[in-house]
PDB file of N, CA and C in Angstrom:
ATOM      1  N   MET A   1     116.629  72.505 120.182  1.00  0.00           N
ATOM      2  CA  MET A   1     115.444  71.666 120.174  1.00  0.00           C
ATOM      3  C   MET A   1     114.256  72.463 119.646  1.00  0.00           C
ATOM      4  N   GLU A   2     113.504  71.883 118.753  1.00  0.00           N
ATOM      5  CA  GLU A   2     112.353  72.544 118.171  1.00  0.00           C
ATOM      6  C   GLU A   2     111.078  71.880 118.667  1.00  0.00           C
ATOM      7  N   VAL A   3     110.081  72.682 118.988  1.00  0.00           N
ATOM      8  CA  VAL A   3     108.804  72.142 119.434  1.00  0.00           C
ATOM      9  C   VAL A   3     107.917  71.966 118.208  1.00  0.00           C
ATOM     10  N   ALA A   4     107.440  70.773 117.990  1.00  0.00           N
ATOM     11  CA  ALA A   4     106.580  70.520 116.835  1.00  0.00           C
ATOM     12  C   ALA A   4     105.186  71.076 117.096  1.00  0.00           C
ATOM     13  N   MET A   5     104.542  71.509 116.036  1.00  0.00           N
ATOM     14  CA  MET A   5     103.173  71.977 116.147  1.00  0.00           C
ATOM     15  C   MET A   5     102.269  70.748 116.177  1.00  0.00           C
ATOM     16  N   THR A   6     101.622  70.500 117.292  1.00  0.00           N
ATOM     17  CA  THR A   6     100.755  69.329 117.411  1.00  0.00           C
ATOM     18  C   THR A   6      99.467  69.553 116.618  1.00  0.00           C
ATOM     19  N   ASN A   7      98.714  68.477 116.406  1.00  0.00           N
ATOM     20  CA  ASN A   7      97.443  68.598 115.690  1.00  0.00           C
ATOM     21  C   ASN A   7      96.504  69.559 116.404  1.00  0.00           C
ATOM     22  N   HIS A   8      96.508  69.502 117.743  1.00  0.00           N
ATOM     23  CA  HIS A   8      95.647  70.402 118.528  1.00  0.00           C
ATOM     24  C   HIS A   8      96.032  71.851 118.279  1.00  0.00           C
ATOM     25  N   VAL A   9      97.320  72.134 118.320  1.00  0.00           N
ATOM     26  CA  VAL A   9      97.782  73.501 118.105  1.00  0.00           C
ATOM     27  C   VAL A   9      97.494  73.934 116.670  1.00  0.00           C
ATOM     28  N   GLN A  10      97.722  73.042 115.707  1.00  0.00           N
ATOM     29  CA  GLN A  10      97.442  73.372 114.298  1.00  0.00           C
ATOM     30  C   GLN A  10      95.961  73.675 114.114  1.00  0.00           C
ATOM     31  N   SER A  11      95.112  72.910 114.765  1.00  0.00           N
ATOM     32  CA  SER A  11      93.671  73.132 114.667  1.00  0.00           C
ATOM     33  C   SER A  11      93.290  74.496 115.237  1.00  0.00           C
ATOM     34  N   ARG A  12      93.868  74.844 116.396  1.00  0.00           N
ATOM     35  CA  ARG A  12      93.593  76.150 117.002  1.00  0.00           C
ATOM     36  C   ARG A  12      94.120  77.282 116.123  1.00  0.00           C
ATOM     37  N   LEU A  13      95.283  77.050 115.486  1.00  0.00           N
ATOM     38  CA  LEU A  13      95.851  78.043 114.572  1.00  0.00           C
ATOM     39  C   LEU A  13      94.898  78.258 113.401  1.00  0.00           C
ATOM     40  N   ASP A  14      94.371  77.171 112.851  1.00  0.00           N
ATOM     41  CA  ASP A  14      93.415  77.264 111.746  1.00  0.00           C
ATOM     42  C   ASP A  14      92.172  78.043 112.164  1.00  0.00           C
ATOM     43  N   ASP A  15      91.652  77.754 113.351  1.00  0.00           N
ATOM     44  CA  ASP A  15      90.471  78.468 113.854  1.00  0.00           C
ATOM     45  C   ASP A  15      90.756  79.958 113.997  1.00  0.00           C
ATOM     46  N   THR A  16      91.943  80.278 114.507  1.00  0.00           N
ATOM     47  CA  THR A  16      92.308  81.674 114.711  1.00  0.00           C
ATOM     48  C   THR A  16      92.415  82.403 113.382  1.00  0.00           C
ATOM     49  N   ILE A  17      93.009  81.755 112.391  1.00  0.00           N
ATOM     50  CA  ILE A  17      93.130  82.372 111.072  1.00  0.00           C
ATOM     51  C   ILE A  17      91.748  82.692 110.511  1.00  0.00           C
ATOM     52  N   LYS A  18      90.820  81.760 110.660  1.00  0.00           N
ATOM     53  CA  LYS A  18      89.463  81.994 110.165  1.00  0.00           C
ATOM     54  C   LYS A  18      88.826  83.190 110.867  1.00  0.00           C
ATOM     55  N   LYS A  19      89.062  83.305 112.179  1.00  0.00           N
ATOM     56  CA  LYS A  19      88.500  84.432 112.926  1.00  0.00           C
ATOM     57  C   LYS A  19      89.109  85.751 112.476  1.00  0.00           C
ATOM     58  N   VAL A  20      90.419  85.741 112.214  1.00  0.00           N
ATOM     59  CA  VAL A  20      91.083  86.964 111.748  1.00  0.00           C
ATOM     60  C   VAL A  20      90.511  87.376 110.395  1.00  0.00           C
ATOM     61  N   VAL A  21      90.344  86.420 109.494  1.00  0.00           N
ATOM     62  CA  VAL A  21      89.801  86.714 108.166  1.00  0.00           C
ATOM     63  C   VAL A  21      88.381  87.271 108.290  1.00  0.00           C
ATOM     64  N   GLU A  22      87.580  86.681 109.164  1.00  0.00           N
ATOM     65  CA  GLU A  22      86.222  87.182 109.381  1.00  0.00           C
ATOM     66  C   GLU A  22      86.251  88.608 109.927  1.00  0.00           C
ATOM     67  N   ALA A  23      87.141  88.851 110.878  1.00  0.00           N
ATOM     68  CA  ALA A  23      87.244  90.194 111.465  1.00  0.00           C
ATOM     69  C   ALA A  23      87.610  91.214 110.388  1.00  0.00           C
ATOM     70  N   LEU A  24      88.523  90.843 109.512  1.00  0.00           N
ATOM     71  CA  LEU A  24      88.921  91.749 108.443  1.00  0.00           C
ATOM     72  C   LEU A  24      87.772  92.013 107.483  1.00  0.00           C
ATOM     73  N   ALA A  25      87.001  90.974 107.222  1.00  0.00           N
ATOM     74  CA  ALA A  25      85.865  91.119 106.309  1.00  0.00           C
ATOM     75  C   ALA A  25      84.844  92.108 106.869  1.00  0.00           C
ATOM     76  N   TYR A  26      84.794  92.217 108.185  1.00  0.00           N
ATOM     77  CA  TYR A  26      83.847  93.130 108.826  1.00  0.00           C
ATOM     78  C   TYR A  26      84.512  94.409 109.320  1.00  0.00           C
ATOM     79  N   GLY A  27      85.686  94.738 108.755  1.00  0.00           N
ATOM     80  CA  GLY A  27      86.292  96.030 109.019  1.00  0.00           C
ATOM     81  C   GLY A  27      87.081  96.125 110.309  1.00  0.00           C
ATOM     82  N   ALA A  28      87.966  95.175 110.555  1.00  0.00           N
ATOM     83  CA  ALA A  28      88.814  95.225 111.749  1.00  0.00           C
ATOM     84  C   ALA A  28      89.755  96.420 111.678  1.00  0.00           C
ATOM     85  N   GLU A  29      90.377  96.731 112.791  1.00  0.00           N
ATOM     86  CA  GLU A  29      91.353  97.814 112.848  1.00  0.00           C
ATOM     87  C   GLU A  29      92.590  97.452 112.033  1.00  0.00           C
ATOM     88  N   ASP A  30      93.557  98.353 112.014  1.00  0.00           N
ATOM     89  CA  ASP A  30      94.773  98.123 111.232  1.00  0.00           C
ATOM     90  C   ASP A  30      95.699  97.097 111.860  1.00  0.00           C
ATOM     91  N   TYR A  31      95.501  96.828 113.139  1.00  0.00           N
ATOM     92  CA  TYR A  31      96.361  95.859 113.818  1.00  0.00           C
ATOM     93  C   TYR A  31      95.512  94.755 114.411  1.00  0.00           C
ATOM     94  N   VAL A  32      95.990  93.528 114.297  1.00  0.00           N
ATOM     95  CA  VAL A  32      95.322  92.401 114.941  1.00  0.00           C
ATOM     96  C   VAL A  32      96.350  91.727 115.836  1.00  0.00           C
ATOM     97  N   ASN A  33      96.019  91.579 117.091  1.00  0.00           N
ATOM     98  CA  ASN A  33      96.906  90.873 118.013  1.00  0.00           C
ATOM     99  C   ASN A  33      96.469  89.424 118.103  1.00  0.00           C
ATOM    100  N   PHE A  34      97.419  88.550 117.931  1.00  0.00           N
ATOM    101  CA  PHE A  34      97.155  87.117 117.991  1.00  0.00           C
ATOM    102  C   PHE A  34      97.945  86.571 119.164  1.00  0.00           C
ATOM    103  N   TYR A  35      97.232  86.081 120.176  1.00  0.00           N
ATOM    104  CA  TYR A  35      97.895  85.554 121.359  1.00  0.00           C
ATOM    105  C   TYR A  35      98.139  84.075 121.170  1.00  0.00           C
ATOM    106  N   ILE A  36      99.408  83.703 120.985  1.00  0.00           N
ATOM    107  CA  ILE A  36      99.654  82.288 120.745  1.00  0.00           C
ATOM    108  C   ILE A  36      99.463  81.478 122.021  1.00  0.00           C
ATOM    109  N   GLY A  37      99.358  82.153 123.158  1.00  0.00           N
ATOM    110  CA  GLY A  37      98.982  81.455 124.375  1.00  0.00           C
ATOM    111  C   GLY A  37      97.593  80.836 124.261  1.00  0.00           C
ATOM    112  N   ASP A  38      96.769  81.397 123.362  1.00  0.00           N
ATOM    113  CA  ASP A  38      95.426  80.866 123.152  1.00  0.00           C
ATOM    114  C   ASP A  38      95.450  79.509 122.458  1.00  0.00           C
ATOM    115  N   LEU A  39      96.594  79.114 121.957  1.00  0.00           N
ATOM    116  CA  LEU A  39      96.663  77.837 121.257  1.00  0.00           C
ATOM    117  C   LEU A  39      96.674  76.650 122.213  1.00  0.00           C
ATOM    118  N   GLY A  40      96.722  76.905 123.501  1.00  0.00           N
ATOM    119  CA  GLY A  40      96.606  75.820 124.456  1.00  0.00           C
ATOM    120  C   GLY A  40      97.922  75.128 124.769  1.00  0.00           C
ATOM    121  N   HIS A  41      99.026  75.792 124.512  1.00  0.00           N
ATOM    122  CA  HIS A  41     100.338  75.211 124.842  1.00  0.00           C
ATOM    123  C   HIS A  41     100.939  76.063 125.948  1.00  0.00           C
ATOM    124  N   ARG A  42     101.212  75.468 127.094  1.00  0.00           N
ATOM    125  CA  ARG A  42     101.626  76.242 128.270  1.00  0.00           C
ATOM    126  C   ARG A  42     102.871  77.094 128.030  1.00  0.00           C
ATOM    127  N   ASP A  43     103.764  76.652 127.137  1.00  0.00           N
ATOM    128  CA  ASP A  43     104.990  77.411 126.905  1.00  0.00           C
ATOM    129  C   ASP A  43     104.739  78.749 126.209  1.00  0.00           C
ATOM    130  N   PHE A  44     103.550  78.905 125.622  1.00  0.00           N
ATOM    131  CA  PHE A  44     103.293  80.111 124.843  1.00  0.00           C
ATOM    132  C   PHE A  44     102.420  81.120 125.575  1.00  0.00           C
ATOM    133  N   ASP A  45     102.087  80.874 126.837  1.00  0.00           N
ATOM    134  CA  ASP A  45     101.203  81.779 127.563  1.00  0.00           C
ATOM    135  C   ASP A  45     101.751  83.204 127.530  1.00  0.00           C
ATOM    136  N   GLY A  46     100.888  84.132 127.180  1.00  0.00           N
ATOM    137  CA  GLY A  46     101.254  85.539 127.204  1.00  0.00           C
ATOM    138  C   GLY A  46     102.032  86.013 125.990  1.00  0.00           C
ATOM    139  N   MET A  47     102.418  85.123 125.101  1.00  0.00           N
ATOM    140  CA  MET A  47     103.141  85.553 123.905  1.00  0.00           C
ATOM    141  C   MET A  47     102.143  86.058 122.876  1.00  0.00           C
ATOM    142  N   ARG A  48     102.585  87.029 122.098  1.00  0.00           N
ATOM    143  CA  ARG A  48     101.659  87.666 121.177  1.00  0.00           C
ATOM    144  C   ARG A  48     102.344  87.934 119.840  1.00  0.00           C
ATOM    145  N   ILE A  49     101.605  87.778 118.771  1.00  0.00           N
ATOM    146  CA  ILE A  49     102.060  88.182 117.452  1.00  0.00           C
ATOM    147  C   ILE A  49     101.130  89.309 117.011  1.00  0.00           C
ATOM    148  N   THR A  50     101.691  90.417 116.571  1.00  0.00           N
ATOM    149  CA  THR A  50     100.881  91.527 116.084  1.00  0.00           C
ATOM    150  C   THR A  50     101.029  91.624 114.575  1.00  0.00           C
ATOM    151  N   PHE A  51      99.934  91.665 113.882  1.00  0.00           N
ATOM    152  CA  PHE A  51      99.953  91.829 112.440  1.00  0.00           C
ATOM    153  C   PHE A  51      99.640  93.274 112.102  1.00  0.00           C
ATOM    154  N   ASP A  52     100.502  93.888 111.304  1.00  0.00           N
ATOM    155  CA  ASP A  52     100.188  95.201 110.766  1.00  0.00           C
ATOM    156  C   ASP A  52      99.502  94.953 109.426  1.00  0.00           C
ATOM    157  N   LEU A  53      98.206  95.048 109.429  1.00  0.00           N
ATOM    158  CA  LEU A  53      97.423  94.656 108.263  1.00  0.00           C
ATOM    159  C   LEU A  53      97.634  95.602 107.086  1.00  0.00           C
ATOM    160  N   ARG A  54      98.111  96.810 107.358  1.00  0.00           N
ATOM    161  CA  ARG A  54      98.325  97.770 106.274  1.00  0.00           C
ATOM    162  C   ARG A  54      99.488  97.357 105.393  1.00  0.00           C
ATOM    163  N   ASP A  55     100.420  96.566 105.943  1.00  0.00           N
ATOM    164  CA  ASP A  55     101.593  96.162 105.168  1.00  0.00           C
ATOM    165  C   ASP A  55     101.238  95.255 104.004  1.00  0.00           C
ATOM    166  N   THR A  56     100.407  94.273 104.264  1.00  0.00           N
ATOM    167  CA  THR A  56     100.260  93.166 103.326  1.00  0.00           C
ATOM    168  C   THR A  56      98.856  93.015 102.778  1.00  0.00           C
ATOM    169  N   TYR A  57      97.865  93.384 103.556  1.00  0.00           N
ATOM    170  CA  TYR A  57      96.513  92.974 103.215  1.00  0.00           C
ATOM    171  C   TYR A  57      95.675  94.180 102.811  1.00  0.00           C
ATOM    172  N   GLY A  58      95.414  94.291 101.517  1.00  0.00           N
ATOM    173  CA  GLY A  58      94.590  95.397 101.054  1.00  0.00           C
ATOM    174  C   GLY A  58      93.122  95.038 101.105  1.00  0.00           C
ATOM    175  N   ALA A  59      92.305  96.056 101.150  1.00  0.00           N
ATOM    176  CA  ALA A  59      90.861  95.824 101.219  1.00  0.00           C
ATOM    177  C   ALA A  59      90.350  95.129  99.965  1.00  0.00           C
ATOM    178  N   SER A  60      91.088  95.245  98.870  1.00  0.00           N
ATOM    179  CA  SER A  60      90.635  94.643  97.622  1.00  0.00           C
ATOM    180  C   SER A  60      90.972  93.154  97.538  1.00  0.00           C
ATOM    181  N   SER A  61      91.737  92.648  98.507  1.00  0.00           N
ATOM    182  CA  SER A  61      92.110  91.235  98.478  1.00  0.00           C
ATOM    183  C   SER A  61      90.878  90.358  98.635  1.00  0.00           C
ATOM    184  N   SER A  62      90.866  89.258  97.906  1.00  0.00           N
ATOM    185  CA  SER A  62      89.781  88.304  98.103  1.00  0.00           C
ATOM    186  C   SER A  62      89.988  87.625  99.453  1.00  0.00           C
ATOM    187  N   ARG A  63      88.949  87.058  99.980  1.00  0.00           N
ATOM    188  CA  ARG A  63      89.032  86.394 101.281  1.00  0.00           C
ATOM    189  C   ARG A  63      90.032  85.248 101.245  1.00  0.00           C
ATOM    190  N   ASP A  64      90.053  84.486 100.132  1.00  0.00           N
ATOM    191  CA  ASP A  64      91.000  83.372 100.002  1.00  0.00           C
ATOM    192  C   ASP A  64      92.444  83.861  99.996  1.00  0.00           C
ATOM    193  N   MET A  65      92.708  84.931  99.248  1.00  0.00           N
ATOM    194  CA  MET A  65      94.065  85.482  99.202  1.00  0.00           C
ATOM    195  C   MET A  65      94.485  85.970 100.577  1.00  0.00           C
ATOM    196  N   LEU A  66      93.535  86.610 101.252  1.00  0.00           N
ATOM    197  CA  LEU A  66      93.797  87.135 102.593  1.00  0.00           C
ATOM    198  C   LEU A  66      94.124  85.999 103.550  1.00  0.00           C
ATOM    199  N   GLU A  67      93.333  84.935 103.483  1.00  0.00           N
ATOM    200  CA  GLU A  67      93.566  83.801 104.382  1.00  0.00           C
ATOM    201  C   GLU A  67      94.928  83.164 104.106  1.00  0.00           C
ATOM    202  N   ARG A  68      95.286  83.016 102.838  1.00  0.00           N
ATOM    203  CA  ARG A  68      96.593  82.437 102.502  1.00  0.00           C
ATOM    204  C   ARG A  68      97.726  83.303 103.022  1.00  0.00           C
ATOM    205  N   ALA A  69      97.596  84.619 102.846  1.00  0.00           N
ATOM    206  CA  ALA A  69      98.648  85.535 103.302  1.00  0.00           C
ATOM    207  C   ALA A  69      98.798  85.477 104.817  1.00  0.00           C
ATOM    208  N   ILE A  70      97.685  85.461 105.530  1.00  0.00           N
ATOM    209  CA  ILE A  70      97.728  85.408 106.992  1.00  0.00           C
ATOM    210  C   ILE A  70      98.287  84.072 107.464  1.00  0.00           C
ATOM    211  N   ARG A  71      97.853  82.993 106.824  1.00  0.00           N
ATOM    212  CA  ARG A  71      98.339  81.664 107.210  1.00  0.00           C
ATOM    213  C   ARG A  71      99.861  81.588 107.053  1.00  0.00           C
ATOM    214  N   THR A  72     100.369  82.102 105.936  1.00  0.00           N
ATOM    215  CA  THR A  72     101.815  82.083 105.695  1.00  0.00           C
ATOM    216  C   THR A  72     102.542  82.890 106.753  1.00  0.00           C
ATOM    217  N   ARG A  73     102.046  84.086 107.042  1.00  0.00           N
ATOM    218  CA  ARG A  73     102.684  84.962 108.022  1.00  0.00           C
ATOM    219  C   ARG A  73     102.614  84.369 109.426  1.00  0.00           C
ATOM    220  N   MET A  74     101.448  83.840 109.797  1.00  0.00           N
ATOM    221  CA  MET A  74     101.285  83.294 111.134  1.00  0.00           C
ATOM    222  C   MET A  74     102.158  82.068 111.328  1.00  0.00           C
ATOM    223  N   SER A  75     102.204  81.210 110.316  1.00  0.00           N
ATOM    224  CA  SER A  75     103.014  80.005 110.440  1.00  0.00           C
ATOM    225  C   SER A  75     104.476  80.354 110.616  1.00  0.00           C
ATOM    226  N   LYS A  76     104.961  81.344 109.864  1.00  0.00           N
ATOM    227  CA  LYS A  76     106.358  81.747 109.974  1.00  0.00           C
ATOM    228  C   LYS A  76     106.630  82.351 111.349  1.00  0.00           C
ATOM    229  N   ASP A  77     105.777  83.286 111.779  1.00  0.00           N
ATOM    230  CA  ASP A  77     105.974  83.910 113.094  1.00  0.00           C
ATOM    231  C   ASP A  77     105.896  82.874 114.203  1.00  0.00           C
ATOM    232  N   PHE A  78     104.938  81.966 114.089  1.00  0.00           N
ATOM    233  CA  PHE A  78     104.767  80.928 115.094  1.00  0.00           C
ATOM    234  C   PHE A  78     106.030  80.082 115.180  1.00  0.00           C
ATOM    235  N   GLN A  79     106.520  79.619 114.038  1.00  0.00           N
ATOM    236  CA  GLN A  79     107.709  78.765 114.027  1.00  0.00           C
ATOM    237  C   GLN A  79     108.929  79.520 114.559  1.00  0.00           C
ATOM    238  N   ASP A  80     109.068  80.793 114.193  1.00  0.00           N
ATOM    239  CA  ASP A  80     110.193  81.599 114.693  1.00  0.00           C
ATOM    240  C   ASP A  80     110.156  81.686 116.216  1.00  0.00           C
ATOM    241  N   ARG A  81     108.975  81.912 116.767  1.00  0.00           N
ATOM    242  CA  ARG A  81     108.861  82.055 118.219  1.00  0.00           C
ATOM    243  C   ARG A  81     109.054  80.730 118.931  1.00  0.00           C
ATOM    244  N   VAL A  82     108.601  79.654 118.300  1.00  0.00           N
ATOM    245  CA  VAL A  82     108.813  78.332 118.888  1.00  0.00           C
ATOM    246  C   VAL A  82     110.312  78.063 119.005  1.00  0.00           C
ATOM    247  N   LYS A  83     111.063  78.418 117.969  1.00  0.00           N
ATOM    248  CA  LYS A  83     112.506  78.189 117.987  1.00  0.00           C
ATOM    249  C   LYS A  83     113.172  79.006 119.092  1.00  0.00           C
ATOM    250  N   ILE A  84     112.662  80.212 119.338  1.00  0.00           N
ATOM    251  CA  ILE A  84     113.246  81.074 120.365  1.00  0.00           C
ATOM    252  C   ILE A  84     113.081  80.465 121.753  1.00  0.00           C
ATOM    253  N   ILE A  85     111.891  79.894 122.037  1.00  0.00           N
ATOM    254  CA  ILE A  85     111.655  79.410 123.402  1.00  0.00           C
ATOM    255  C   ILE A  85     112.055  77.960 123.593  1.00  0.00           C
ATOM    256  N   ALA A  86     112.318  77.250 122.497  1.00  0.00           N
ATOM    257  CA  ALA A  86     112.634  75.818 122.614  1.00  0.00           C
ATOM    258  C   ALA A  86     114.051  75.612 123.118  1.00  0.00           C
TER     259      ALA A  86
END
């Protein structure tokens, strides 16, 4: 059984991506922890996705490219974890 990403969760995911991109623009550390429990779904409380920003995101990346890369990675990680707990 797969848990669908509701509009509420998708909206929170979008907000989180924007915050991550902003943090990177202002010189965040090499790792960003994303707590999917923050998406407001009780099944995800305490779960975390860690991004190693050195792997994929260079400082020379435009903000749009960075946001696309993070969105792709987050969506994949999110879906993988949903499948694990479903």
